[in-house]
Protein backbone atom coordinates (compact mmCIF):
# COMPACT_ATOMS: atom_id res chain seq x y z
CA UNK A 1 0.00 0.00 0.00
CA UNK A 2 2.86 2.39 0.82
CA UNK A 3 4.37 1.69 -2.58
CA UNK A 4 1.07 2.49 -4.27
CA UNK A 5 0.74 5.76 -2.37
CA UNK A 6 4.20 6.84 -3.55
CA UNK A 7 3.04 6.53 -7.16
CA UNK A 8 -0.49 7.91 -7.04
CA UNK A 9 0.30 10.54 -9.69
CA UNK A 10 2.33 8.25 -11.95
CA UNK A 11 0.06 7.36 -14.90
CA UNK A 12 2.21 4.42 -16.00
CA UNK A 13 2.21 2.92 -12.51
CA UNK A 14 -1.55 3.38 -12.25
CA UNK A 15 -2.02 1.65 -15.60
CA UNK A 16 0.07 -1.32 -14.53
CA UNK A 17 -1.83 -1.60 -11.25
CA UNK A 18 -5.11 -1.40 -13.13
CA UNK A 19 -4.02 -4.29 -15.37
CA UNK A 20 -2.98 -6.35 -12.34
CA UNK A 21 -6.28 -5.76 -10.59
CA UNK A 22 -8.30 -6.56 -13.71
CA UNK A 23 -6.29 -9.72 -14.36
CA UNK A 24 -6.88 -10.86 -10.79
CA UNK A 25 -10.43 -9.62 -10.44
CA UNK A 26 -11.74 -12.74 -8.70
CA UNK A 27 -8.96 -12.70 -6.14
CA UNK A 28 -9.56 -9.03 -5.36
CA UNK A 29 -13.31 -9.64 -5.04
CA UNK A 30 -12.64 -12.44 -2.55
CA UNK A 31 -10.35 -10.16 -0.57
CA UNK A 32 -13.01 -7.44 -0.62
CA UNK A 33 -15.63 -9.86 0.65
CA UNK A 34 -13.25 -10.97 3.38
CA UNK A 35 -12.69 -7.34 4.37
CA UNK A 36 -16.46 -6.82 4.52
CA UNK A 37 -16.76 -9.93 6.70
CA UNK A 38 -14.01 -8.68 9.00
CA UNK A 39 -15.71 -5.29 9.25
CA UNK A 40 -18.93 -7.03 10.26
CA UNK A 41 -17.10 -9.25 12.72
CA UNK A 42 -15.39 -6.32 14.39
CA UNK A 43 -18.22 -3.80 13.95
CA UNK A 44 -18.95 -3.53 17.66
CA UNK A 45 -15.29 -3.06 18.51
CA UNK A 46 -14.88 -0.44 15.77
CA UNK A 47 -17.95 1.39 17.02
CA UNK A 48 -16.68 1.32 20.60
CA UNK A 49 -13.24 2.57 19.56
CA UNK A 50 -14.80 5.32 17.47
CA UNK A 51 -16.97 6.41 20.39
CA UNK A 52 -13.94 6.47 22.68
CA UNK A 53 -12.03 8.53 20.13
CA UNK A 54 -14.88 10.99 19.79
CA UNK A 55 -15.14 11.34 23.56
CA UNK A 56 -11.40 11.93 23.87
CA UNK A 57 -11.57 14.52 21.10
CA UNK A 58 -14.43 16.32 22.79
CA UNK A 59 -12.53 16.37 26.08
CA UNK A 60 -9.41 17.76 24.40
CA UNK A 61 -11.48 20.41 22.63
CA UNK A 62 -13.21 21.38 25.84
CA UNK A 63 -9.89 21.69 27.68
CA UNK A 64 -8.41 23.75 24.84
CA UNK A 65 -11.43 26.05 24.82
CA UNK A 66 -11.30 26.56 28.56
CA UNK A 67 -7.60 27.28 28.43
CA UNK A 68 -8.11 29.82 25.64
CA UNK A 69 -10.85 31.63 27.56
CA UNK A 70 -8.78 31.58 30.75
CA UNK A 71 -5.88 33.21 28.88
CA UNK A 72 -8.29 35.82 27.53
CA UNK A 73 -9.65 36.59 31.00
CA UNK A 74 -6.17 36.86 32.48
CA UNK A 75 -4.97 39.12 29.68
CA UNK A 76 -8.00 41.39 29.93
CA UNK A 77 -7.60 41.53 33.70
CA UNK A 78 -3.92 42.38 33.31
CA UNK A 79 -4.92 45.24 30.98
CA UNK A 80 -7.59 46.45 33.42
CA UNK A 81 -10.37 45.69 30.94
CA UNK A 82 -12.83 44.12 33.36
CA UNK A 83 -15.84 45.45 31.45
CA UNK A 84 -14.62 43.51 28.41
CA UNK A 85 -14.46 40.33 30.50
CA UNK A 86 -18.15 40.67 31.33
CA UNK A 87 -19.12 41.61 27.79
CA UNK A 88 -17.13 38.69 26.34
CA UNK A 89 -18.86 36.30 28.72
CA UNK A 90 -22.22 37.38 27.30
CA UNK A 91 -21.30 37.81 23.63
CA UNK A 92 -19.45 34.99 21.81
CA UNK A 93 -18.79 37.20 18.77
CA UNK A 94 -17.16 39.85 20.96
CA UNK A 95 -15.19 37.12 22.70
CA UNK A 96 -13.87 35.96 19.33
CA UNK A 97 -13.03 39.55 18.40
CA UNK A 98 -11.01 39.95 21.59
CA UNK A 99 -9.16 36.68 21.02
CA UNK A 100 -8.08 37.94 17.61
CA UNK A 101 -7.27 41.42 18.88
CA UNK A 102 -5.05 40.05 21.65
CA UNK A 103 -3.56 37.32 19.42
CA UNK A 104 -4.66 34.52 21.72
């Protein structure tokens, strides 16, 4: 597979691979069916792993968001802009504007 990926833009290589696949169509169909069977066999495990990955991603995103907002609050506090802290807490668009303004 790595070898194929190295040559994805090589027309000659693609042509040769196409000939190989066509010449061995039955074998590739059997392999495809086996892959489908394996996907079915491991479907529950794949689903569980996917759910775990999604949960981990959400947690990371939540932590990153909190950290970003904490940096914003600290920076605004440091600058004596307490009114902006309150306004940003109520207005997500203003919050985003401040993040850009302060390069956070």
